[in-house]
Amino acid sequence: MRTLLFSAVSFFVASTVAVAAPASKPAASASFAAHQTVTEKQATGLYDLSGLPQFTGKVAQFLPAPHGGVLGVVLTDGTQVLVSPDQGHTVAGLIKPGDTVSIQGLKACSLPLIRAFSLTSPRGRSMQDSFIVMPQQSPEMITGPDLVLHGDIWMPLYDLNGQVSGVILKDHTVIYLAPREATRLAAWLKAGQSIYAVGTGTSGELGIAIDAREIGPTAAQMVGVAVGNAPAPGPAPGSAGYDIIPGSE
């Protein structure tokens, strides 16, 4: 009887140990994740980008933003590689013109445009999109010196939505326009044509770029344009027509 009782207890203990043993593995994994440094977590990124198409190309120039930083790069074959605005500040420290870079992202169907989610330099350093959208300043909050740009157009400039948002000149300077203004002035924005523009912007080692306030095929033919996302011209606040919605009369 005592032998039977001892055998039953031994079987119960052995079974408990056998069942409980695998549970220690997830605990160890969770412990490792909990002790990862911030740098390690940022290096791996939040999302797995391995399924995205990969591209390579040689950098011809940065795409400087008109009020600081960069929005991406242009490759020597004319492909524009855009990153999210909150990641642009890392691009200039990661790569430089002349570098051959590796890109993971999505290519536009019919435009020379790649939306990059990861960039890797020839030195092995990488940038991965955090997918966090940072608030952008409105045009009214930005001031800067007036710059005058003129030269022959290399190509139209695109935004992340694939809309024409200005032009890149052959001397690598960049003129930004609101997409609706670029559509209105499309006849002036063709590759090879000369263009003049005046607006606020920046000039530095990353390049020259402006938000055009006036633009035209010659200095004598420039017209005024709405800057950035400013509302279209209309009745002044406080005037009789300010509170009237067009078409509702």
Protein backbone atom coordinates (compact mmCIF):
# COMPACT_ATOMS: atom_id res chain seq x y z
CA MET A 1 0.00 0.00 0.00
CA ARG A 2 2.85 2.36 0.96
CA THR A 3 4.58 1.53 -2.34
CA LEU A 4 1.44 2.40 -4.30
CA LEU A 5 1.05 5.74 -2.49
CA PHE A 6 4.70 6.67 -3.13
CA SER A 7 4.37 5.81 -6.83
CA ALA A 8 1.25 7.98 -7.20
CA VAL A 9 2.92 10.97 -5.53
CA SER A 10 6.02 10.55 -7.71
CA PHE A 11 3.89 10.42 -10.87
CA PHE A 12 1.99 13.57 -9.83
CA VAL A 13 5.20 15.55 -9.15
CA ALA A 14 6.80 14.42 -12.40
CA SER A 15 3.68 15.36 -14.39
CA THR A 16 3.54 18.80 -12.78
CA VAL A 17 7.17 19.50 -13.61
CA ALA A 18 6.69 18.28 -17.20
CA VAL A 19 3.72 20.55 -17.76
CA ALA A 20 5.17 23.60 -16.02
CA ALA A 21 8.60 23.53 -17.66
CA PRO A 22 7.68 25.05 -21.07
CA ALA A 23 6.11 28.09 -19.36
CA SER A 24 9.58 29.37 -18.40
CA LYS A 25 10.53 30.16 -22.04
CA PRO A 26 8.02 33.01 -22.66
CA ALA A 27 9.00 34.46 -19.29
CA ALA A 28 12.64 34.64 -20.39
CA SER A 29 11.64 36.23 -23.71
CA ALA A 30 9.46 38.80 -21.96
CA SER A 31 12.33 39.56 -19.58
CA PHE A 32 14.68 40.21 -22.55
CA ALA A 33 12.15 42.56 -24.20
CA ALA A 34 11.69 44.43 -20.94
CA HIS A 35 15.44 45.04 -20.66
CA GLN A 36 16.00 46.16 -24.27
CA THR A 37 17.49 49.63 -24.48
CA VAL A 38 15.63 52.42 -26.26
CA THR A 39 18.33 52.37 -28.96
CA GLU A 40 17.80 48.64 -29.58
CA LYS A 41 14.05 49.09 -29.90
CA GLN A 42 14.43 52.02 -32.30
CA ALA A 43 16.95 50.11 -34.41
CA THR A 44 14.53 47.25 -35.04
CA GLY A 45 11.61 49.61 -35.64
CA LEU A 46 7.98 49.13 -34.74
CA TYR A 47 6.92 47.57 -38.07
CA ASP A 48 8.41 44.77 -40.12
CA LEU A 49 9.39 46.35 -43.46
CA SER A 50 10.99 43.23 -44.94
CA GLY A 51 8.05 42.69 -47.31
CA LEU A 52 8.42 46.09 -48.99
CA PRO A 53 10.09 46.41 -52.41
CA GLN A 54 13.77 47.36 -52.35
CA PHE A 55 15.50 49.87 -54.63
CA THR A 56 19.00 51.26 -55.01
CA GLY A 57 20.23 54.48 -56.57
CA LYS A 58 22.87 57.18 -56.47
CA VAL A 59 21.95 60.43 -54.73
CA ALA A 60 22.16 63.52 -56.97
CA GLN A 61 20.92 66.09 -54.43
CA PHE A 62 18.86 66.70 -51.33
CA LEU A 63 15.33 68.05 -51.56
CA PRO A 64 15.67 70.96 -49.11
CA ALA A 65 12.54 72.23 -47.41
CA PRO A 66 11.98 75.97 -47.89
CA HIS A 67 12.22 76.65 -44.15
CA GLY A 68 14.85 74.18 -42.96
CA GLY A 69 15.62 70.48 -43.14
CA VAL A 70 15.07 68.17 -46.08
CA LEU A 71 12.06 66.29 -47.43
CA GLY A 72 14.02 63.61 -49.28
CA VAL A 73 16.53 63.20 -52.09
CA VAL A 74 16.67 63.04 -55.88
CA LEU A 75 18.54 60.15 -57.50
CA THR A 76 20.72 60.59 -60.58
CA ASP A 77 18.06 58.91 -62.76
CA GLY A 78 15.56 61.62 -61.73
CA THR A 79 13.62 59.55 -59.19
CA GLN A 80 12.43 61.60 -56.22
CA VAL A 81 12.65 59.74 -52.91
CA LEU A 82 10.42 61.30 -50.24
CA VAL A 83 10.34 60.63 -46.52
CA SER A 84 7.83 61.76 -43.92
CA PRO A 85 8.45 65.31 -42.62
CA ASP A 86 9.35 64.09 -39.12
CA GLN A 87 12.12 61.87 -40.55
CA GLY A 88 13.63 64.48 -42.86
CA HIS A 89 15.95 65.84 -40.17
CA THR A 90 17.83 62.52 -40.03
CA VAL A 91 18.42 62.19 -43.78
CA ALA A 92 21.14 64.84 -44.03
CA GLY A 93 23.14 63.17 -41.29
CA LEU A 94 22.74 59.73 -42.83
CA ILE A 95 23.67 60.20 -46.49
CA LYS A 96 25.22 62.74 -48.84
CA PRO A 97 25.15 63.47 -52.59
CA GLY A 98 27.16 60.85 -54.45
CA ASP A 99 26.19 58.02 -52.10
CA THR A 100 24.54 54.88 -53.47
CA VAL A 101 21.66 54.16 -51.09
CA SER A 102 19.34 51.25 -50.44
CA ILE A 103 15.66 52.10 -50.17
CA GLN A 104 12.63 50.19 -48.95
CA GLY A 105 9.33 51.74 -49.91
CA LEU A 106 6.57 52.06 -52.47
CA LYS A 107 7.13 53.27 -56.02
CA ALA A 108 4.49 55.33 -57.80
CA CYS A 109 2.77 53.60 -60.70
CA SER A 110 3.53 56.20 -63.36
CA LEU A 111 5.66 58.88 -61.67
CA PRO A 112 9.41 58.93 -60.88
CA LEU A 113 8.57 58.87 -57.19
CA ILE A 114 9.32 56.57 -54.24
CA ARG A 115 7.75 56.94 -50.80
CA ALA A 116 10.63 55.67 -48.64
CA PHE A 117 10.02 53.94 -45.31
CA SER A 118 13.68 52.96 -44.83
CA LEU A 119 16.98 54.33 -46.15
CA THR A 120 20.38 52.68 -45.71
CA SER A 121 23.66 54.44 -46.45
CA PRO A 122 26.69 52.75 -48.06
CA ARG A 123 28.23 52.84 -44.57
CA GLY A 124 25.49 50.59 -43.20
CA ARG A 125 23.58 53.22 -41.20
CA SER A 126 19.80 53.13 -41.55
CA MET A 127 16.77 55.28 -40.99
CA GLN A 128 13.31 53.76 -40.51
CA ASP A 129 10.06 55.67 -40.58
CA SER A 130 8.50 55.91 -37.12
CA PHE A 131 5.02 56.41 -38.65
CA ILE A 132 4.46 59.21 -36.15
CA VAL A 133 3.10 62.36 -37.78
CA MET A 134 4.57 65.50 -36.29
CA PRO A 135 2.56 68.73 -36.36
CA GLN A 136 3.65 71.05 -39.15
CA GLN A 137 3.87 74.81 -38.89
CA SER A 138 1.38 76.84 -40.87
CA PRO A 139 2.68 79.29 -43.50
CA GLU A 140 1.64 82.21 -41.28
CA MET A 141 4.06 81.09 -38.54
CA ILE A 142 7.11 80.96 -40.82
CA THR A 143 9.25 83.90 -41.82
CA GLY A 144 12.48 84.07 -43.77
CA PRO A 145 14.49 86.19 -46.20
CA ASP A 146 13.30 86.86 -49.73
CA LEU A 147 15.28 84.91 -52.32
CA VAL A 148 15.16 85.30 -56.11
CA LEU A 149 15.67 82.11 -58.11
CA HIS A 150 15.86 81.71 -61.86
CA GLY A 151 17.10 79.11 -64.30
CA ASP A 152 16.03 76.21 -66.50
CA ILE A 153 13.65 73.60 -65.10
CA TRP A 154 15.07 70.09 -64.62
CA MET A 155 11.83 68.39 -63.57
CA PRO A 156 8.52 68.95 -61.77
CA LEU A 157 8.57 68.45 -58.01
CA TYR A 158 6.06 66.03 -56.42
CA ASP A 159 4.62 65.75 -52.93
CA LEU A 160 3.76 62.58 -51.00
CA ASN A 161 0.35 62.48 -52.71
CA GLY A 162 1.91 62.53 -56.18
CA GLN A 163 0.72 66.07 -56.89
CA VAL A 164 3.01 68.58 -58.63
CA SER A 165 4.14 70.96 -55.89
CA GLY A 166 6.80 73.01 -57.67
CA VAL A 167 9.92 72.48 -59.78
CA ILE A 168 13.56 71.48 -59.41
CA LEU A 169 15.94 73.60 -61.47
CA LYS A 170 19.02 72.29 -63.29
CA ASP A 171 21.24 74.10 -60.78
CA HIS A 172 19.54 71.95 -58.03
CA THR A 173 17.58 74.80 -56.46
CA VAL A 174 13.97 74.03 -55.57
CA ILE A 175 10.84 76.16 -55.99
CA TYR A 176 7.78 75.09 -53.99
CA LEU A 177 4.21 75.89 -55.02
CA ALA A 178 0.83 74.91 -53.63
CA PRO A 179 -0.49 72.04 -55.81
CA ARG A 180 -3.50 74.11 -56.91
CA GLU A 181 -1.15 76.89 -58.08
CA ALA A 182 1.09 74.39 -59.86
CA THR A 183 -1.97 73.10 -61.71
CA ARG A 184 -3.00 76.64 -62.66
CA LEU A 185 0.49 77.47 -63.96
CA ALA A 186 1.30 74.07 -65.49
CA ALA A 187 2.22 75.61 -68.88
CA TRP A 188 5.15 77.42 -67.23
CA LEU A 189 6.45 74.42 -65.29
CA LYS A 190 7.66 72.12 -68.07
CA ALA A 191 11.15 70.63 -68.15
CA GLY A 192 13.64 72.75 -70.11
CA GLN A 193 11.72 76.02 -69.74
CA SER A 194 13.16 79.04 -67.96
CA ILE A 195 11.50 80.19 -64.76
CA TYR A 196 11.84 83.12 -62.33
CA ALA A 197 10.51 83.03 -58.76
CA VAL A 198 10.60 85.13 -55.60
CA GLY A 199 9.73 83.93 -52.12
CA THR A 200 10.93 83.19 -48.61
CA GLY A 201 13.23 80.26 -48.05
CA THR A 202 16.62 78.97 -47.04
CA SER A 203 20.08 78.84 -48.58
CA GLY A 204 22.75 76.59 -47.05
CA GLU A 205 24.88 73.49 -47.47
CA LEU A 206 21.77 71.31 -47.86
CA GLY A 207 20.60 73.39 -50.83
CA ILE A 208 18.43 76.35 -51.76
CA ALA A 209 14.64 76.27 -51.65
CA ILE A 210 11.81 78.80 -51.52
CA ASP A 211 8.06 78.97 -51.15
CA ALA A 212 7.26 81.02 -54.25
CA ARG A 213 5.19 84.15 -53.75
CA GLU A 214 5.67 85.32 -57.34
CA ILE A 215 6.61 83.25 -60.38
CA GLY A 216 6.80 83.57 -64.16
CA PRO A 217 8.69 82.66 -67.33
CA THR A 218 10.61 85.97 -67.17
CA ALA A 219 11.28 88.60 -64.52
CA ALA A 220 8.81 90.91 -66.29
CA GLN A 221 6.01 88.31 -66.44
CA MET A 222 5.82 87.14 -62.84
CA VAL A 223 2.41 86.76 -61.20
CA GLY A 224 1.45 86.43 -57.56
CA VAL A 225 0.65 82.99 -56.14
CA ALA A 226 -0.91 81.78 -52.89
CA VAL A 227 1.77 80.37 -50.59
CA GLY A 228 1.54 76.88 -49.10
CA ASN A 229 -1.83 75.90 -47.69
CA ALA A 230 -3.06 79.45 -47.18
CA PRO A 231 -6.78 79.83 -47.96
CA ALA A 232 -7.73 81.09 -51.39
CA PRO A 233 -8.22 84.87 -51.68
CA GLY A 234 -11.68 86.08 -50.74
CA PRO A 235 -13.56 88.89 -48.99
CA ALA A 236 -11.68 90.42 -46.07
CA PRO A 237 -12.79 89.50 -42.52
CA GLY A 238 -15.53 91.85 -41.35
CA SER A 239 -16.64 92.77 -44.88
CA ALA A 240 -20.20 92.29 -46.15
CA GLY A 241 -19.30 89.20 -48.18
CA TYR A 242 -17.08 87.49 -45.59
CA ASP A 243 -19.83 85.30 -44.09
CA ILE A 244 -21.43 84.39 -47.41
CA ILE A 245 -20.69 80.92 -48.77
CA PRO A 246 -20.23 81.11 -52.58
CA GLY A 247 -23.16 79.50 -54.40
CA SER A 248 -25.51 79.73 -51.40
CA GLU A 249 -27.04 83.10 -52.33
